[in-house]
């Protein structure tokens, strides 16, 4: 014969108890937290890259450099265009030589080869990547989107300097050339011109 406690009926578990509600709230909070992190990840990553120069991300300077050191640097310029944007895009000069801390101005030329207005946006980086933390842009066409009319050709400036602190970094002693590269992509479509009868 079975023991008496084996025959006693177990109390029925009530659905929707406090324990289930806690588990549900924890899962909802975790999902909300992951969504918040995903939303914030792009600006946080961009901020991380700007602060550290990670991936060749350049710095933005509020003002031109106020000191020059005797540390020569050659800055080369590179340009590409995504195939979705019907533009030509190239540096006006291929390279310049300067000293760390010396303010420089370079130009890139862009032309809309299409038969409609188009808007482009430029991404950028420097190589070697570790030079990004020392490469400072004061003004740059890359800070905003660029709109070109059909056949329009423009020269776009970038004002920059290489931080004099590069001369004090032993990890940068072998870096004599820095390449500043841009790639233009198609941005949002421009608004159509207003019609005269509107």
Protein backbone atom coordinates (compact mmCIF):
# COMPACT_ATOMS: atom_id res chain seq x y z
CA UNK A 1 0.00 0.00 0.00
CA UNK A 2 1.27 3.49 -0.88
CA UNK A 3 2.24 5.87 1.91
CA UNK A 4 -0.49 8.28 3.00
CA UNK A 5 1.40 11.38 1.87
CA UNK A 6 1.69 9.99 -1.68
CA UNK A 7 -2.06 9.78 -2.02
CA UNK A 8 -2.83 13.28 -0.75
CA UNK A 9 -3.83 15.60 -3.58
CA UNK A 10 -1.46 18.49 -4.33
CA UNK A 11 -2.94 21.97 -4.13
CA UNK A 12 -3.69 23.37 -7.57
CA UNK A 13 -1.32 26.11 -8.75
CA UNK A 14 -3.22 29.26 -9.51
CA UNK A 15 -2.36 30.84 -12.85
CA UNK A 16 -1.24 34.46 -12.89
CA UNK A 17 0.30 34.43 -9.45
CA UNK A 18 2.66 37.08 -8.06
CA UNK A 19 5.70 35.04 -9.11
CA UNK A 20 4.60 34.99 -12.77
CA UNK A 21 4.00 38.73 -12.67
CA UNK A 22 7.53 39.36 -11.32
CA UNK A 23 9.06 37.23 -14.08
CA UNK A 24 7.03 39.08 -16.70
CA UNK A 25 8.08 42.48 -15.32
CA UNK A 26 11.75 41.43 -15.25
CA UNK A 27 11.56 40.27 -18.88
CA UNK A 28 9.84 43.51 -19.92
CA UNK A 29 12.48 45.60 -18.11
CA UNK A 30 15.29 43.61 -19.77
CA UNK A 31 13.74 44.09 -23.21
CA UNK A 32 13.31 47.83 -22.59
CA UNK A 33 16.92 48.08 -21.40
CA UNK A 34 18.23 46.31 -24.50
CA UNK A 35 16.13 48.57 -26.71
CA UNK A 36 17.52 51.65 -24.96
CA UNK A 37 21.09 50.42 -25.37
CA UNK A 38 20.50 49.72 -29.05
CA UNK A 39 19.07 53.22 -29.54
CA UNK A 40 22.01 54.84 -27.72
CA UNK A 41 24.74 52.66 -29.21
CA UNK A 42 25.29 54.70 -32.39
CA UNK A 43 25.78 58.08 -30.69
CA UNK A 44 27.81 56.47 -27.91
CA UNK A 45 30.05 54.69 -30.44
CA UNK A 46 30.47 57.94 -32.39
CA UNK A 47 31.40 59.78 -29.19
CA UNK A 48 33.88 57.01 -28.26
CA UNK A 49 35.51 57.22 -31.71
CA UNK A 50 35.74 61.02 -31.57
CA UNK A 51 37.35 61.00 -28.13
CA UNK A 52 39.81 58.18 -28.79
CA UNK A 53 40.42 58.49 -32.53
CA UNK A 54 39.38 54.84 -32.84
CA UNK A 55 39.14 53.64 -36.42
CA UNK A 56 40.89 56.76 -37.71
CA UNK A 57 38.14 59.09 -36.53
CA UNK A 58 39.40 62.67 -36.59
CA UNK A 59 38.89 65.30 -33.91
CA UNK A 60 36.97 68.58 -34.20
CA UNK A 61 38.79 71.68 -32.97
CA UNK A 62 37.00 74.83 -31.81
CA UNK A 63 39.85 77.06 -33.04
CA UNK A 64 43.03 76.85 -35.11
CA UNK A 65 46.24 75.66 -33.52
CA UNK A 66 48.26 78.21 -31.58
CA UNK A 67 51.59 76.37 -31.49
CA UNK A 68 53.92 74.72 -33.99
CA UNK A 69 56.66 72.19 -33.27
CA UNK A 70 59.47 71.03 -35.52
CA UNK A 71 57.89 67.67 -36.38
CA UNK A 72 57.28 67.26 -40.13
CA UNK A 73 54.17 65.43 -41.32
CA UNK A 74 53.03 64.72 -44.86
CA UNK A 75 49.24 64.74 -45.25
CA UNK A 76 47.93 62.85 -48.28
CA UNK A 77 44.37 63.24 -49.57
CA UNK A 78 42.14 60.50 -50.95
CA UNK A 79 38.58 60.57 -52.31
CA UNK A 80 35.99 58.03 -53.46
CA UNK A 81 32.32 58.19 -54.41
CA UNK A 82 29.70 55.55 -53.75
CA UNK A 83 28.26 54.33 -57.10
CA UNK A 84 24.74 55.44 -56.08
CA UNK A 85 25.88 59.09 -56.30
CA UNK A 86 26.59 60.36 -59.81
CA UNK A 87 29.42 62.70 -58.84
CA UNK A 88 33.10 63.06 -59.56
CA UNK A 89 35.10 63.83 -56.44
CA UNK A 90 38.85 64.31 -56.02
CA UNK A 91 41.40 66.28 -54.00
CA UNK A 92 42.75 69.40 -55.69
CA UNK A 93 46.22 68.59 -54.30
CA UNK A 94 47.37 65.03 -53.64
CA UNK A 95 49.54 65.88 -50.61
CA UNK A 96 51.00 68.70 -48.56
CA UNK A 97 53.92 68.83 -46.14
CA UNK A 98 53.57 70.70 -42.87
CA UNK A 99 54.80 70.79 -39.30
CA UNK A 100 52.75 69.56 -36.36
CA UNK A 101 50.57 72.41 -35.14
CA UNK A 102 50.70 74.26 -38.46
CA UNK A 103 47.26 75.29 -39.71
CA UNK A 104 46.50 74.09 -43.22
CA UNK A 105 43.74 74.49 -45.79
CA UNK A 106 43.06 71.85 -48.45
CA UNK A 107 40.38 71.61 -51.14
CA UNK A 108 38.38 68.79 -52.69
CA UNK A 109 36.55 69.26 -56.01
CA UNK A 110 33.12 67.74 -56.60
CA UNK A 111 30.93 67.82 -59.69
CA UNK A 112 27.38 66.56 -60.23
CA UNK A 113 27.57 64.49 -63.42
CA UNK A 114 23.84 63.70 -63.39
CA UNK A 115 20.92 65.58 -64.92
CA UNK A 116 19.11 66.18 -61.61
CA UNK A 117 20.04 67.94 -58.38
CA UNK A 118 21.53 65.58 -55.82
CA UNK A 119 22.64 65.73 -52.21
CA UNK A 120 25.74 64.00 -50.90
CA UNK A 121 27.11 63.35 -47.45
CA UNK A 122 30.75 62.54 -46.74
CA UNK A 123 32.24 60.02 -44.34
CA UNK A 124 35.90 60.33 -43.44
CA UNK A 125 38.83 58.83 -41.60
CA UNK A 126 42.59 59.01 -41.42
CA UNK A 127 45.20 56.31 -41.71
CA UNK A 128 47.05 55.07 -39.86
CA UNK A 129 44.12 54.78 -37.47
CA UNK A 130 46.21 55.78 -34.45
CA UNK A 131 46.76 59.23 -36.01
CA UNK A 132 43.05 60.04 -35.70
CA UNK A 133 43.40 61.35 -32.16
CA UNK A 134 45.96 63.93 -33.39
CA UNK A 135 44.20 65.05 -36.58
CA UNK A 136 42.02 68.11 -35.86
CA UNK A 137 39.50 69.64 -38.26
CA UNK A 138 38.55 73.26 -37.66
CA UNK A 139 36.11 73.56 -40.59
CA UNK A 140 35.06 70.93 -43.12
CA UNK A 141 32.58 70.40 -45.92
CA UNK A 142 31.92 67.03 -44.29
CA UNK A 143 30.18 68.71 -41.34
CA UNK A 144 26.99 69.08 -43.42
CA UNK A 145 25.33 67.62 -46.50
CA UNK A 146 26.25 69.11 -49.88
CA UNK A 147 23.71 69.81 -52.65
CA UNK A 148 24.85 70.14 -56.24
CA UNK A 149 22.77 71.15 -59.24
CA UNK A 150 23.18 69.25 -62.54
CA UNK A 151 26.63 70.01 -63.96
CA UNK A 152 27.61 72.13 -60.95
CA UNK A 153 31.27 71.93 -59.89
CA UNK A 154 32.49 73.22 -56.53
CA UNK A 155 35.70 73.26 -54.55
CA UNK A 156 35.10 72.40 -50.90
CA UNK A 157 37.59 73.35 -48.17
CA UNK A 158 38.83 71.51 -45.12
CA UNK A 159 40.78 73.46 -42.51
CA UNK A 160 42.90 71.30 -40.20
CA UNK A 161 46.07 70.83 -38.18
CA UNK A 162 48.00 67.92 -36.70
CA UNK A 163 48.16 68.28 -32.92
CA UNK A 164 51.70 69.20 -31.77
CA UNK A 165 51.32 66.55 -29.03
CA UNK A 166 52.07 63.96 -31.71
CA UNK A 167 55.75 64.86 -31.26
CA UNK A 168 55.64 63.67 -27.63
CA UNK A 169 54.02 60.29 -28.34
CA UNK A 170 56.66 57.55 -28.77
CA UNK A 171 54.04 55.31 -30.45
CA UNK A 172 53.76 57.87 -33.25
CA UNK A 173 57.49 58.27 -33.90
CA UNK A 174 57.34 56.15 -37.07
CA UNK A 175 54.32 58.01 -38.50
CA UNK A 176 55.53 60.51 -41.07
CA UNK A 177 52.55 60.37 -43.44
CA UNK A 178 48.85 60.62 -42.62
CA UNK A 179 46.16 60.02 -45.24
CA UNK A 180 42.86 61.90 -44.97
CA UNK A 181 40.19 59.99 -46.91
CA UNK A 182 36.61 60.90 -47.76
CA UNK A 183 33.80 58.91 -49.35
CA UNK A 184 30.68 60.67 -50.62
CA UNK A 185 27.33 58.86 -50.42
CA UNK A 186 23.88 59.82 -51.66
CA UNK A 187 21.91 61.60 -48.93
CA UNK A 188 18.20 62.37 -48.73
CA UNK A 189 16.57 63.37 -51.98
CA UNK A 190 16.38 67.15 -52.44
CA UNK A 191 12.99 68.83 -52.27
CA UNK A 192 11.50 69.41 -55.74
CA UNK A 193 11.41 73.05 -56.84
CA UNK A 194 8.14 74.85 -56.17
CA UNK A 195 5.87 75.26 -59.18
CA UNK A 196 4.95 78.78 -60.30
CA UNK A 197 1.19 78.09 -59.97
CA UNK A 198 1.46 77.06 -56.30
